Amino acid sequence: MLQTLRTAMLAAPLLLLPGLAAAQAPAAPAAPAAPTSAVRGASPIFDGVRARDHIRCGVSQGTPGFSVPDSQGVWRGFDADYCRALAAAVLGDPNKVRFTPYSAQARFTALQSGEIDVLSRNTTYTFVRDVQLGLEFPAIIYYDGAGFLARRQPGLTSARGLDGATVCVQTGSTNELIVGDFGRANNIRLNPLVMQNLEEIFQALFSGRCDAMNWDRGALAGTLQRAPNPADFVILPEVLSKEPYSPVVAQGDQRWLEIVRWVAFGLIEAEELGITAANADSRLTSTDPGVQRLLGVSGGFGAMLGIDNRWMLNAIKAVGNWNEVFERNLAPLGIDRGVNRLWSAGGALYAPAFR
């Protein structure tokens, strides 16, 4: 009896503390997580693309290897092919794209004003552009670095030998800053001649008005091929900067950003998996889970983006994988893949997991 009374007295204070009792009670089951397919915000750019049934793609005024019209007026190059892959993924047809050329200075305004849906124009991903311009850089699709294309002179083997030279650069590009930084860092005097129009820059270089041109090395390789006598010019060995290229979109449409990002990554993934324009259809029967997800056999990734599940199948059949785009447009200019090799081959090209 005494033991029973003692037990009741010890328990009594707990009866006066309902909060404590509740705290010791088993926790209620957590509410189920919202489904990943939950409705997102508005997609004005994506909706506009679907409504007009074509993509408006901003390209350069003529950068050899990246975006330049051929003799028939058809845009060719690495950047142009990316836009075709995007059109194939989103609209099922690589020809549903309209190309508009922009200078380096005008390209970002075109995005900000809504004139174009995507900029695919050998454009470098930088801090200021990402933070201050109201733009998004969805995926690095090509790695480059600035350099000098110079008129051959006796003893000129290094960019440090350009002391006193007049250097052509394009206004609105990162190259203006690079030339200034290189001159100060090496205590040499470089005289920049800044122009907006690329064709004017090419002619200034070829005619001798400029001693050298500063641009990204991939584009310089194409410029060299355009010279009346390529043997008169040399690309100097220095790589002066990091120039990671990305397609660019305006802020405010998360769905569109994701589509642009994952089409770029999909071309890289296709190369890693050995999927080409020629064998893509036959790979639909592959038992490799990675191949199945990329080609839309499983996973439903297209539906998550609001497009057809065969989105990457369509893109790959239209332009090929990343290496096929490179071999068609840049390899003929004598450009080595270098750091643009796949990560599995010692390079920097890398796609996040499709799973």
Protein backbone atom coordinates (compact mmCIF):
# COMPACT_ATOMS: atom_id res chain seq x y z
CA MET A 1 0.00 0.00 0.00
CA LEU A 2 2.85 2.36 0.93
CA GLN A 3 4.61 1.57 -2.36
CA THR A 4 1.43 2.31 -4.32
CA LEU A 5 1.01 5.67 -2.58
CA ARG A 6 4.65 6.61 -3.27
CA THR A 7 4.18 5.79 -6.98
CA ALA A 8 1.03 7.90 -7.20
CA MET A 9 2.78 10.88 -5.54
CA LEU A 10 5.67 10.71 -8.03
CA ALA A 11 3.31 10.56 -10.99
CA ALA A 12 1.07 13.41 -9.82
CA PRO A 13 3.32 16.27 -10.95
CA LEU A 14 3.40 14.80 -14.46
CA LEU A 15 -0.40 14.94 -14.57
CA LEU A 16 -0.17 18.67 -13.90
CA LEU A 17 2.19 19.18 -16.89
CA PRO A 18 0.23 18.29 -20.03
CA GLY A 19 2.89 19.85 -22.24
CA LEU A 20 5.49 17.44 -20.89
CA ALA A 21 3.19 14.54 -21.44
CA ALA A 22 2.60 15.61 -25.01
CA ALA A 23 6.31 15.99 -25.62
CA GLN A 24 6.89 12.42 -24.54
CA ALA A 25 4.13 11.10 -26.79
CA PRO A 26 5.12 9.45 -30.09
CA ALA A 27 5.51 11.98 -32.92
CA ALA A 28 2.74 12.14 -35.49
CA PRO A 29 3.65 10.84 -38.94
CA ALA A 30 5.20 13.54 -41.16
CA ALA A 31 3.09 14.88 -43.97
CA PRO A 32 4.03 13.36 -47.31
CA ALA A 33 6.48 15.40 -49.37
CA ALA A 34 5.06 17.35 -52.26
CA PRO A 35 5.43 15.47 -55.54
CA THR A 36 8.34 16.47 -57.71
CA SER A 37 5.91 17.22 -60.49
CA ALA A 38 4.24 19.98 -58.47
CA VAL A 39 3.03 22.93 -60.53
CA ARG A 40 5.75 25.56 -60.99
CA GLY A 41 5.54 29.25 -61.70
CA ALA A 42 4.79 30.81 -65.06
CA SER A 43 6.96 29.89 -68.04
CA PRO A 44 6.66 32.91 -70.33
CA ILE A 45 9.62 32.11 -72.59
CA PHE A 46 8.76 28.43 -72.90
CA ASP A 47 5.10 29.25 -73.54
CA GLY A 48 6.11 31.76 -76.22
CA VAL A 49 8.31 29.20 -77.95
CA ARG A 50 5.48 26.71 -78.10
CA ALA A 51 2.94 29.30 -79.24
CA ARG A 52 5.03 30.56 -82.17
CA ASP A 53 6.39 27.04 -82.89
CA HIS A 54 9.99 28.12 -83.31
CA ILE A 55 12.95 29.20 -81.17
CA ARG A 56 14.54 32.62 -81.62
CA CYS A 57 18.29 32.06 -81.31
CA GLY A 58 20.83 34.86 -81.05
CA VAL A 59 24.19 34.13 -82.71
CA SER A 60 27.35 36.05 -83.60
CA GLN A 61 27.84 38.30 -86.60
CA GLY A 62 30.08 35.62 -88.04
CA THR A 63 32.48 33.68 -85.81
CA PRO A 64 34.13 30.90 -87.85
CA GLY A 65 33.44 27.48 -86.40
CA PHE A 66 30.77 28.71 -84.00
CA SER A 67 28.13 30.64 -85.94
CA VAL A 68 28.51 31.90 -89.49
CA PRO A 69 26.21 31.82 -92.54
CA ASP A 70 27.32 29.67 -95.45
CA SER A 71 27.10 30.64 -99.11
CA GLN A 72 23.38 29.79 -99.06
CA GLY A 73 22.72 31.91 -95.98
CA VAL A 74 22.31 28.85 -93.73
CA TRP A 75 23.84 29.31 -90.29
CA ARG A 76 26.58 26.79 -89.53
CA GLY A 77 28.78 26.16 -86.54
CA PHE A 78 28.95 24.75 -83.03
CA ASP A 79 26.59 27.37 -81.54
CA ALA A 80 24.15 27.14 -84.43
CA ASP A 81 23.99 23.35 -84.06
CA TYR A 82 23.23 23.69 -80.36
CA CYS A 83 20.16 25.77 -81.24
CA ARG A 84 19.08 23.11 -83.72
CA ALA A 85 19.42 20.46 -81.02
CA LEU A 86 17.30 22.63 -78.72
CA ALA A 87 14.61 23.03 -81.37
CA ALA A 88 14.58 19.28 -82.01
CA ALA A 89 14.25 18.56 -78.29
CA VAL A 90 11.50 21.10 -77.63
CA LEU A 91 9.56 21.16 -80.89
CA GLY A 92 10.59 17.89 -82.55
CA ASP A 93 12.17 19.64 -85.55
CA PRO A 94 15.73 21.08 -85.76
CA ASN A 95 14.60 23.50 -88.47
CA LYS A 96 12.19 25.30 -86.15
CA VAL A 97 14.75 27.91 -85.18
CA ARG A 98 15.26 31.50 -86.37
CA PHE A 99 18.80 32.85 -86.19
CA THR A 100 19.53 36.53 -85.53
CA PRO A 101 23.11 37.85 -85.44
CA TYR A 102 24.19 40.27 -82.72
CA SER A 103 27.36 42.16 -81.92
CA ALA A 104 29.08 41.49 -78.59
CA GLN A 105 27.71 44.79 -77.31
CA ALA A 106 24.07 44.19 -78.36
CA ARG A 107 23.68 40.50 -77.50
CA PHE A 108 22.68 40.86 -73.84
CA THR A 109 20.19 43.65 -74.51
CA ALA A 110 18.48 41.36 -77.02
CA LEU A 111 17.92 38.78 -74.27
CA GLN A 112 16.87 41.32 -71.65
CA SER A 113 14.32 42.90 -74.01
CA GLY A 114 12.84 39.54 -75.04
CA GLU A 115 13.92 39.75 -78.69
CA ILE A 116 15.37 36.24 -78.49
CA ASP A 117 14.72 33.14 -76.42
CA VAL A 118 18.32 31.96 -76.09
CA LEU A 119 21.76 33.34 -76.87
CA SER A 120 24.13 30.76 -78.36
CA ARG A 121 27.05 32.95 -79.30
CA ASN A 122 30.52 31.93 -77.95
CA THR A 123 29.65 33.83 -74.77
CA THR A 124 31.81 33.60 -71.66
CA TYR A 125 30.25 32.87 -68.27
CA THR A 126 31.57 35.55 -65.85
CA PHE A 127 30.70 36.83 -62.39
CA VAL A 128 29.48 40.26 -63.48
CA ARG A 129 27.35 38.92 -66.31
CA ASP A 130 25.77 36.33 -64.03
CA VAL A 131 25.14 38.66 -61.08
CA GLN A 132 24.41 42.08 -62.57
CA LEU A 133 22.78 41.58 -65.96
CA GLY A 134 19.67 39.59 -65.00
CA LEU A 135 20.79 36.63 -67.07
CA GLU A 136 21.34 32.93 -66.47
CA PHE A 137 24.16 30.72 -67.78
CA PRO A 138 22.61 27.23 -67.68
CA ALA A 139 25.55 24.96 -68.61
CA ILE A 140 29.17 25.23 -69.71
CA ILE A 141 29.24 23.62 -73.13
CA TYR A 142 32.75 24.60 -74.33
CA TYR A 143 35.98 25.65 -72.62
CA ASP A 144 38.25 28.18 -74.30
CA GLY A 145 40.84 30.82 -73.46
CA ALA A 146 41.85 34.13 -75.01
CA GLY A 147 44.98 34.50 -77.11
CA PHE A 148 46.62 36.59 -79.81
CA LEU A 149 46.60 36.10 -83.57
CA ALA A 150 49.53 38.18 -84.81
CA ARG A 151 51.27 39.02 -88.06
CA ARG A 152 54.45 36.96 -88.30
CA GLN A 153 57.61 38.88 -87.51
CA PRO A 154 61.20 37.70 -87.08
CA GLY A 155 61.73 36.62 -83.48
CA LEU A 156 58.05 36.88 -82.48
CA THR A 157 57.43 33.66 -80.56
CA SER A 158 55.53 34.96 -77.53
CA ALA A 159 52.81 37.49 -76.76
CA ARG A 160 55.35 39.29 -74.60
CA GLY A 161 57.02 40.31 -77.84
CA LEU A 162 54.03 42.48 -78.79
CA ASP A 163 55.30 45.50 -76.86
CA GLY A 164 54.06 48.61 -78.66
CA ALA A 165 51.70 46.66 -80.93
CA THR A 166 48.24 47.78 -82.00
CA VAL A 167 45.76 45.09 -81.00
CA CYS A 168 42.25 44.80 -82.47
CA VAL A 169 39.50 43.86 -80.00
CA GLN A 170 35.72 43.82 -80.19
CA THR A 171 33.82 46.24 -78.00
CA GLY A 172 31.54 44.64 -75.41
CA SER A 173 33.71 41.52 -75.14
CA THR A 174 35.90 40.25 -72.32
CA ASN A 175 38.92 40.74 -74.58
CA GLU A 176 39.14 44.48 -73.89
CA LEU A 177 39.89 43.77 -70.24
CA ILE A 178 42.19 40.84 -71.05
CA VAL A 179 44.46 42.96 -73.26
CA GLY A 180 44.78 45.60 -70.56
CA ASP A 181 45.46 43.03 -67.85
CA PHE A 182 48.10 41.24 -69.94
CA GLY A 183 49.95 44.46 -70.73
CA ARG A 184 50.07 45.57 -67.09
CA ALA A 185 51.04 42.13 -65.81
CA ASN A 186 53.96 41.90 -68.25
CA ASN A 187 54.99 45.57 -68.22
CA ILE A 188 54.46 46.03 -71.94
CA ARG A 189 52.47 48.64 -73.85
CA LEU A 190 49.60 47.40 -75.98
CA ASN A 191 47.47 49.83 -77.96
CA PRO A 192 43.92 48.50 -78.27
CA LEU A 193 41.93 49.39 -81.38
CA VAL A 194 38.32 48.76 -80.36
CA MET A 195 35.66 48.07 -83.00
CA GLN A 196 32.14 46.72 -82.85
CA ASN A 197 31.85 44.93 -86.19
CA LEU A 198 33.75 41.65 -86.55
CA GLU A 199 34.17 41.94 -90.30
CA GLU A 200 35.79 45.34 -89.82
CA ILE A 201 38.19 43.81 -87.29
CA PHE A 202 39.13 41.01 -89.69
CA GLN A 203 39.90 43.48 -92.45
CA ALA A 204 41.90 45.71 -90.10
CA LEU A 205 44.05 42.73 -89.13
CA PHE A 206 44.55 41.42 -92.66
CA SER A 207 45.36 44.87 -94.06
CA GLY A 208 47.97 45.63 -91.42
CA ARG A 209 46.02 48.29 -89.54
CA CYS A 210 46.39 46.00 -86.50
CA ASP A 211 49.51 44.07 -85.60
CA ALA A 212 47.47 41.47 -83.73
CA MET A 213 43.97 40.52 -82.71
CA ASN A 214 42.90 39.33 -79.27
CA TRP A 215 40.04 36.85 -79.19
CA ASP A 216 39.29 33.40 -77.89
CA ARG A 217 41.64 30.82 -79.37
CA GLY A 218 38.94 28.70 -80.98
CA ALA A 219 37.62 31.71 -82.87
CA LEU A 220 41.17 32.78 -83.78
CA ALA A 221 41.71 29.41 -85.47
CA GLY A 222 38.74 30.13 -87.72
CA THR A 223 39.94 33.68 -88.34
CA LEU A 224 43.33 32.34 -89.43
CA GLN A 225 41.62 30.23 -92.10
CA ARG A 226 39.98 33.37 -93.47
CA ALA A 227 43.25 35.25 -93.94
CA PRO A 228 44.24 35.91 -97.58
CA ASN A 229 47.55 34.21 -96.77
CA PRO A 230 47.32 32.24 -93.50
CA ALA A 231 51.11 31.71 -93.48
CA ASP A 232 51.50 35.43 -92.78
CA PHE A 233 49.93 35.03 -89.32
CA VAL A 234 50.52 32.96 -86.22
CA ILE A 235 48.49 32.16 -83.08
CA LEU A 236 50.89 32.88 -80.22
CA PRO A 237 51.19 30.16 -77.55
CA GLU A 238 49.91 31.97 -74.47
CA VAL A 239 46.45 31.16 -73.12
CA LEU A 240 45.54 34.37 -71.31
CA SER A 241 42.25 33.61 -69.60
CA LYS A 242 39.50 31.17 -68.78
CA GLU A 243 36.60 31.49 -71.23
CA PRO A 244 33.89 28.94 -70.40
CA TYR A 245 31.07 29.22 -72.94
CA SER A 246 27.43 28.70 -72.04
CA PRO A 247 24.12 29.30 -73.73
CA VAL A 248 22.43 32.26 -72.05
CA VAL A 249 18.79 32.90 -71.12
CA ALA A 250 16.93 35.67 -69.33
CA GLN A 251 15.85 35.23 -65.74
CA GLY A 252 12.22 34.54 -64.88
CA ASP A 253 11.54 31.18 -66.52
CA GLN A 254 12.92 28.26 -64.52
CA ARG A 255 11.43 25.66 -66.85
CA TRP A 256 13.08 27.17 -69.91
CA LEU A 257 16.42 27.45 -68.10
CA GLU A 258 16.26 23.76 -67.20
CA ILE A 259 15.47 22.73 -70.78
CA VAL A 260 18.37 24.77 -72.18
CA ARG A 261 20.69 23.35 -69.49
CA TRP A 262 19.82 19.69 -69.92
CA VAL A 263 19.90 19.69 -73.73
CA ALA A 264 23.51 20.90 -73.44
CA PHE A 265 24.31 18.23 -70.87
CA GLY A 266 22.46 15.63 -72.94
CA LEU A 267 24.81 16.10 -75.90
CA ILE A 268 27.78 15.49 -73.59
CA GLU A 269 26.11 12.46 -72.00
CA ALA A 270 25.36 11.04 -75.44
CA GLU A 271 29.04 11.07 -76.33
CA GLU A 272 29.95 9.35 -73.08
CA LEU A 273 27.36 6.64 -73.74
CA GLY A 274 28.43 6.20 -77.37
CA ILE A 275 25.09 7.34 -78.80
CA THR A 276 25.42 8.97 -82.22
CA ALA A 277 23.08 10.42 -84.83
CA ALA A 278 23.48 7.22 -86.84
CA ASN A 279 22.90 4.67 -84.07
CA ALA A 280 20.44 6.52 -81.79
CA ASP A 281 17.36 4.62 -83.01
CA SER A 282 19.06 1.25 -82.66
CA ARG A 283 20.10 2.10 -79.09
CA LEU A 284 16.44 2.29 -78.05
CA THR A 285 16.60 -1.46 -77.37
CA SER A 286 19.69 -1.13 -75.16
CA THR A 287 19.47 -2.64 -71.67
CA ASP A 288 21.83 0.03 -70.29
CA PRO A 289 19.74 2.04 -67.78
CA GLY A 290 21.65 5.23 -68.62
CA VAL A 291 20.91 4.88 -72.31
CA GLN A 292 17.26 4.12 -71.58
CA ARG A 293 16.87 7.27 -69.47
CA LEU A 294 18.63 9.56 -71.95
CA LEU A 295 16.65 8.31 -74.94
CA GLY A 296 13.31 8.42 -73.10
CA VAL A 297 12.66 4.69 -72.87
CA SER A 298 12.42 5.04 -69.10
CA GLY A 299 12.50 7.72 -66.45
CA GLY A 300 9.99 10.16 -67.93
CA PHE A 301 12.56 12.98 -67.95
CA GLY A 302 10.94 14.74 -70.90
CA ALA A 303 7.61 14.89 -69.09
CA MET A 304 9.34 16.47 -66.11
CA LEU A 305 10.48 19.26 -68.44
CA GLY A 306 7.09 19.56 -70.12
CA ILE A 307 8.30 18.16 -73.46
CA ASP A 308 8.28 14.82 -75.27
CA ASN A 309 10.06 11.96 -73.51
CA ARG A 310 12.07 11.35 -76.70
CA TRP A 311 13.49 14.89 -76.47
CA MET A 312 17.16 13.85 -76.44
CA LEU A 313 16.61 11.14 -79.05
CA ASN A 314 15.32 13.90 -81.35
CA ALA A 315 18.22 16.22 -80.49
CA ILE A 316 20.90 13.58 -81.05
CA LYS A 317 19.38 12.44 -84.35
CA ALA A 318 19.37 16.08 -85.49
CA VAL A 319 22.98 17.08 -84.73
CA GLY A 320 24.76 14.10 -83.18
CA ASN A 321 26.49 13.97 -79.82
CA TRP A 322 28.91 16.62 -78.52
CA ASN A 323 31.89 15.14 -80.35
CA GLU A 324 30.00 14.97 -83.64
CA VAL A 325 29.15 18.66 -83.35
CA PHE A 326 32.82 19.41 -82.59
CA GLU A 327 34.17 17.29 -85.43
CA ARG A 328 31.81 18.86 -87.94
CA ASN A 329 32.47 22.48 -87.00
CA LEU A 330 35.71 22.99 -85.05
CA ALA A 331 38.06 20.12 -85.87
CA PRO A 332 38.35 21.23 -89.54
CA LEU A 333 39.86 24.50 -88.25
CA GLY A 334 42.72 22.57 -86.67
CA ILE A 335 41.37 22.96 -83.13
CA ASP A 336 42.38 20.19 -80.74
CA ARG A 337 39.84 19.15 -78.11
CA GLY A 338 42.36 19.66 -75.32
CA VAL A 339 40.53 20.49 -72.10
CA ASN A 340 37.26 19.80 -73.93
CA ARG A 341 37.88 16.08 -73.76
CA LEU A 342 35.41 14.13 -71.66
CA TRP A 343 36.23 13.97 -67.95
CA SER A 344 36.73 10.21 -68.37
CA ALA A 345 39.50 11.00 -70.89
CA GLY A 346 41.23 13.54 -68.67
CA GLY A 347 39.32 16.63 -69.80
CA ALA A 348 36.86 18.99 -68.16
CA LEU A 349 33.71 18.13 -70.13
CA TYR A 350 31.25 16.68 -67.65
CA ALA A 351 27.49 16.19 -67.47
CA PRO A 352 25.64 15.73 -64.17
CA ALA A 353 23.89 12.41 -63.74
CA PHE A 354 20.70 11.71 -65.68
CA ARG A 355 18.90 10.02 -62.82
